[in-house]
PDB file of N, CA and C in Angstrom:
ATOM      1  N   UNK A   1      49.513 -38.731 -59.037  1.00  0.00           N
ATOM      2  CA  UNK A   1      48.683 -39.469 -58.075  1.00  0.00           C
ATOM      3  C   UNK A   1      48.864 -38.914 -56.657  1.00  0.00           C
ATOM      4  N   UNK A   2      50.062 -38.445 -56.344  1.00  0.00           N
ATOM      5  CA  UNK A   2      50.323 -37.955 -54.983  1.00  0.00           C
ATOM      6  C   UNK A   2      49.463 -36.730 -54.667  1.00  0.00           C
ATOM      7  N   UNK A   3      49.226 -35.871 -55.675  1.00  0.00           N
ATOM      8  CA  UNK A   3      48.400 -34.675 -55.464  1.00  0.00           C
ATOM      9  C   UNK A   3      46.966 -35.095 -55.136  1.00  0.00           C
ATOM     10  N   UNK A   4      46.448 -36.088 -55.871  1.00  0.00           N
ATOM     11  CA  UNK A   4      45.082 -36.571 -55.638  1.00  0.00           C
ATOM     12  C   UNK A   4      44.973 -37.149 -54.228  1.00  0.00           C
ATOM     13  N   UNK A   5      45.984 -37.904 -53.823  1.00  0.00           N
ATOM     14  CA  UNK A   5      45.976 -38.493 -52.478  1.00  0.00           C
ATOM     15  C   UNK A   5      46.007 -37.398 -51.415  1.00  0.00           C
ATOM     16  N   UNK A   6      46.795 -36.352 -51.640  1.00  0.00           N
ATOM     17  CA  UNK A   6      46.857 -35.241 -50.683  1.00  0.00           C
ATOM     18  C   UNK A   6      45.499 -34.560 -50.568  1.00  0.00           C
ATOM     19  N   UNK A   7      44.851 -34.327 -51.705  1.00  0.00           N
ATOM     20  CA  UNK A   7      43.535 -33.673 -51.701  1.00  0.00           C
ATOM     21  C   UNK A   7      42.525 -34.545 -50.965  1.00  0.00           C
ATOM     22  N   UNK A   8      42.569 -35.856 -51.235  1.00  0.00           N
ATOM     23  CA  UNK A   8      41.640 -36.783 -50.582  1.00  0.00           C
ATOM     24  C   UNK A   8      41.861 -36.785 -49.075  1.00  0.00           C
ATOM     25  N   UNK A   9      43.107 -36.894 -48.658  1.00  0.00           N
ATOM     26  CA  UNK A   9      43.413 -36.939 -47.225  1.00  0.00           C
ATOM     27  C   UNK A   9      43.001 -35.630 -46.548  1.00  0.00           C
ATOM     28  N   UNK A  10      43.221 -34.504 -47.232  1.00  0.00           N
ATOM     29  CA  UNK A  10      42.845 -33.205 -46.661  1.00  0.00           C
ATOM     30  C   UNK A  10      41.331 -33.088 -46.531  1.00  0.00           C
ATOM     31  N   UNK A  11      40.605 -33.529 -47.562  1.00  0.00           N
ATOM     32  CA  UNK A  11      39.144 -33.443 -47.526  1.00  0.00           C
ATOM     33  C   UNK A  11      38.584 -34.334 -46.421  1.00  0.00           C
ATOM     34  N   UNK A  12      39.179 -35.525 -46.252  1.00  0.00           N
ATOM     35  CA  UNK A  12      38.738 -36.441 -45.189  1.00  0.00           C
ATOM     36  C   UNK A  12      39.004 -35.804 -43.825  1.00  0.00           C
ATOM     37  N   UNK A  13      40.198 -35.226 -43.648  1.00  0.00           N
ATOM     38  CA  UNK A  13      40.563 -34.578 -42.382  1.00  0.00           C
ATOM     39  C   UNK A  13      39.616 -33.414 -42.090  1.00  0.00           C
ATOM     40  N   UNK A  14      39.307 -32.634 -43.136  1.00  0.00           N
ATOM     41  CA  UNK A  14      38.408 -31.492 -42.982  1.00  0.00           C
ATOM     42  C   UNK A  14      37.021 -31.966 -42.553  1.00  0.00           C
ATOM     43  N   UNK A  15      36.534 -33.029 -43.196  1.00  0.00           N
ATOM     44  CA  UNK A  15      35.216 -33.568 -42.853  1.00  0.00           C
ATOM     45  C   UNK A  15      35.192 -34.045 -41.404  1.00  0.00           C
ATOM     46  N   UNK A  16      36.265 -34.700 -40.960  1.00  0.00           N
ATOM     47  CA  UNK A  16      36.347 -35.184 -39.577  1.00  0.00           C
ATOM     48  C   UNK A  16      36.329 -34.001 -38.612  1.00  0.00           C
ATOM     49  N   UNK A  17      37.098 -32.963 -38.923  1.00  0.00           N
ATOM     50  CA  UNK A  17      37.152 -31.788 -38.051  1.00  0.00           C
ATOM     51  C   UNK A  17      35.784 -31.117 -37.960  1.00  0.00           C
ATOM     52  N   UNK A  18      35.076 -31.002 -39.099  1.00  0.00           N
ATOM     53  CA  UNK A  18      33.751 -30.373 -39.122  1.00  0.00           C
ATOM     54  C   UNK A  18      32.776 -31.182 -38.273  1.00  0.00           C
ATOM     55  N   UNK A  19      32.819 -32.525 -38.418  1.00  0.00           N
ATOM     56  CA  UNK A  19      31.911 -33.378 -37.644  1.00  0.00           C
ATOM     57  C   UNK A  19      32.205 -33.254 -36.154  1.00  0.00           C
ATOM     58  N   UNK A  20      33.480 -33.149 -35.790  1.00  0.00           N
ATOM     59  CA  UNK A  20      33.862 -32.994 -34.378  1.00  0.00           C
ATOM     60  C   UNK A  20      33.345 -31.657 -33.848  1.00  0.00           C
ATOM     61  N   UNK A  21      33.511 -30.589 -34.635  1.00  0.00           N
ATOM     62  CA  UNK A  21      33.068 -29.255 -34.210  1.00  0.00           C
ATOM     63  C   UNK A  21      31.549 -29.244 -34.042  1.00  0.00           C
ATOM     64  N   UNK A  22      30.825 -29.808 -35.012  1.00  0.00           N
ATOM     65  CA  UNK A  22      29.360 -29.850 -34.940  1.00  0.00           C
ATOM     66  C   UNK A  22      28.929 -30.702 -33.747  1.00  0.00           C
ATOM     67  N   UNK A  23      29.606 -31.835 -33.546  1.00  0.00           N
ATOM     68  CA  UNK A  23      29.295 -32.715 -32.416  1.00  0.00           C
ATOM     69  C   UNK A  23      29.514 -32.031 -31.084  1.00  0.00           C
ATOM     70  N   UNK A  24      30.514 -31.145 -31.006  1.00  0.00           N
ATOM     71  CA  UNK A  24      30.782 -30.417 -29.766  1.00  0.00           C
ATOM     72  C   UNK A  24      29.777 -29.289 -29.566  1.00  0.00           C
ATOM     73  N   UNK A  25      29.288 -28.691 -30.651  1.00  0.00           N
ATOM     74  CA  UNK A  25      28.378 -27.554 -30.531  1.00  0.00           C
ATOM     75  C   UNK A  25      26.949 -27.999 -30.219  1.00  0.00           C
ATOM     76  N   UNK A  26      26.487 -29.087 -30.831  1.00  0.00           N
ATOM     77  CA  UNK A  26      25.089 -29.500 -30.679  1.00  0.00           C
ATOM     78  C   UNK A  26      24.690 -29.787 -29.233  1.00  0.00           C
ATOM     79  N   UNK A  27      25.445 -30.599 -28.482  1.00  0.00           N
ATOM     80  CA  UNK A  27      25.027 -30.896 -27.102  1.00  0.00           C
ATOM     81  C   UNK A  27      24.913 -29.647 -26.236  1.00  0.00           C
ATOM     82  N   UNK A  28      25.820 -28.691 -26.417  1.00  0.00           N
ATOM     83  CA  UNK A  28      25.767 -27.448 -25.640  1.00  0.00           C
ATOM     84  C   UNK A  28      24.463 -26.704 -25.926  1.00  0.00           C
ATOM     85  N   UNK A  29      24.071 -26.634 -27.177  1.00  0.00           N
ATOM     86  CA  UNK A  29      22.828 -25.932 -27.536  1.00  0.00           C
ATOM     87  C   UNK A  29      21.632 -26.641 -26.919  1.00  0.00           C
ATOM     88  N   UNK A  30      21.639 -27.975 -26.972  1.00  0.00           N
ATOM     89  CA  UNK A  30      20.528 -28.747 -26.408  1.00  0.00           C
ATOM     90  C   UNK A  30      20.447 -28.499 -24.904  1.00  0.00           C
ATOM     91  N   UNK A  31      21.600 -28.503 -24.223  1.00  0.00           N
ATOM     92  CA  UNK A  31      21.639 -28.273 -22.777  1.00  0.00           C
ATOM     93  C   UNK A  31      21.141 -26.861 -22.470  1.00  0.00           C
ATOM     94  N   UNK A  32      21.565 -25.874 -23.254  1.00  0.00           N
ATOM     95  CA  UNK A  32      21.121 -24.494 -23.043  1.00  0.00           C
ATOM     96  C   UNK A  32      19.609 -24.389 -23.199  1.00  0.00           C
ATOM     97  N   UNK A  33      19.052 -25.068 -24.212  1.00  0.00           N
ATOM     98  CA  UNK A  33      17.606 -25.034 -24.421  1.00  0.00           C
ATOM     99  C   UNK A  33      16.882 -25.682 -23.249  1.00  0.00           C
ATOM    100  N   UNK A  34      17.427 -26.795 -22.730  1.00  0.00           N
ATOM    101  CA  UNK A  34      16.818 -27.462 -21.580  1.00  0.00           C
ATOM    102  C   UNK A  34      16.843 -26.547 -20.365  1.00  0.00           C
ATOM    103  N   UNK A  35      17.970 -25.850 -20.140  1.00  0.00           N
ATOM    104  CA  UNK A  35      18.073 -24.927 -19.009  1.00  0.00           C
ATOM    105  C   UNK A  35      17.073 -23.785 -19.157  1.00  0.00           C
ATOM    106  N   UNK A  36      16.901 -23.278 -20.382  1.00  0.00           N
ATOM    107  CA  UNK A  36      15.948 -22.193 -20.626  1.00  0.00           C
ATOM    108  C   UNK A  36      14.530 -22.654 -20.313  1.00  0.00           C
ATOM    109  N   UNK A  37      14.178 -23.869 -20.746  1.00  0.00           N
ATOM    110  CA  UNK A  37      12.835 -24.382 -20.486  1.00  0.00           C
ATOM    111  C   UNK A  37      12.632 -24.589 -18.989  1.00  0.00           C
ATOM    112  N   UNK A  38      13.682 -25.050 -18.283  1.00  0.00           N
ATOM    113  CA  UNK A  38      13.586 -25.226 -16.827  1.00  0.00           C
ATOM    114  C   UNK A  38      13.339 -23.884 -16.152  1.00  0.00           C
ATOM    115  N   UNK A  39      14.079 -22.843 -16.586  1.00  0.00           N
ATOM    116  CA  UNK A  39      13.900 -21.512 -16.005  1.00  0.00           C
ATOM    117  C   UNK A  39      12.485 -20.999 -16.280  1.00  0.00           C
ATOM    118  N   UNK A  40      11.985 -21.239 -17.479  1.00  0.00           N
ATOM    119  CA  UNK A  40      10.630 -20.801 -17.829  1.00  0.00           C
ATOM    120  C   UNK A  40       9.605 -21.518 -16.960  1.00  0.00           C
ATOM    121  N   UNK A  41       9.832 -22.819 -16.711  1.00  0.00           N
ATOM    122  CA  UNK A  41       8.897 -23.581 -15.887  1.00  0.00           C
ATOM    123  C   UNK A  41       8.934 -23.116 -14.433  1.00  0.00           C
ATOM    124  N   UNK A  42      10.117 -22.702 -13.958  1.00  0.00           N
ATOM    125  CA  UNK A  42      10.254 -22.239 -12.572  1.00  0.00           C
ATOM    126  C   UNK A  42       9.523 -20.910 -12.368  1.00  0.00           C
ATOM    127  N   UNK A  43       9.563 -20.042 -13.379  1.00  0.00           N
ATOM    128  CA  UNK A  43       8.943 -18.714 -13.237  1.00  0.00           C
ATOM    129  C   UNK A  43       7.423 -18.875 -13.224  1.00  0.00           C
ATOM    130  N   UNK A  44       6.747 -18.407 -12.160  1.00  0.00           N
ATOM    131  CA  UNK A  44       5.276 -18.519 -12.114  1.00  0.00           C
ATOM    132  C   UNK A  44       4.612 -17.456 -12.986  1.00  0.00           C
ATOM    133  N   UNK A  45       3.648 -17.882 -13.777  1.00  0.00           N
ATOM    134  CA  UNK A  45       2.942 -16.947 -14.661  1.00  0.00           C
ATOM    135  C   UNK A  45       1.725 -16.406 -13.922  1.00  0.00           C
ATOM    136  N   UNK A  46       1.781 -15.139 -13.544  1.00  0.00           N
ATOM    137  CA  UNK A  46       0.676 -14.523 -12.802  1.00  0.00           C
ATOM    138  C   UNK A  46      -0.278 -13.837 -13.773  1.00  0.00           C
TER     139      UNK A  46
END
């Protein structure tokens, strides 16, 4: 039973770490896209 508990705890920890990493990456990408759109809007199209 101890092996099963270790596997479960490790999988839960891994899932938490993945969600934290994804949560940290997503906002940065969204901000970068917003900055890119702002720069595009600032540039006048002649």
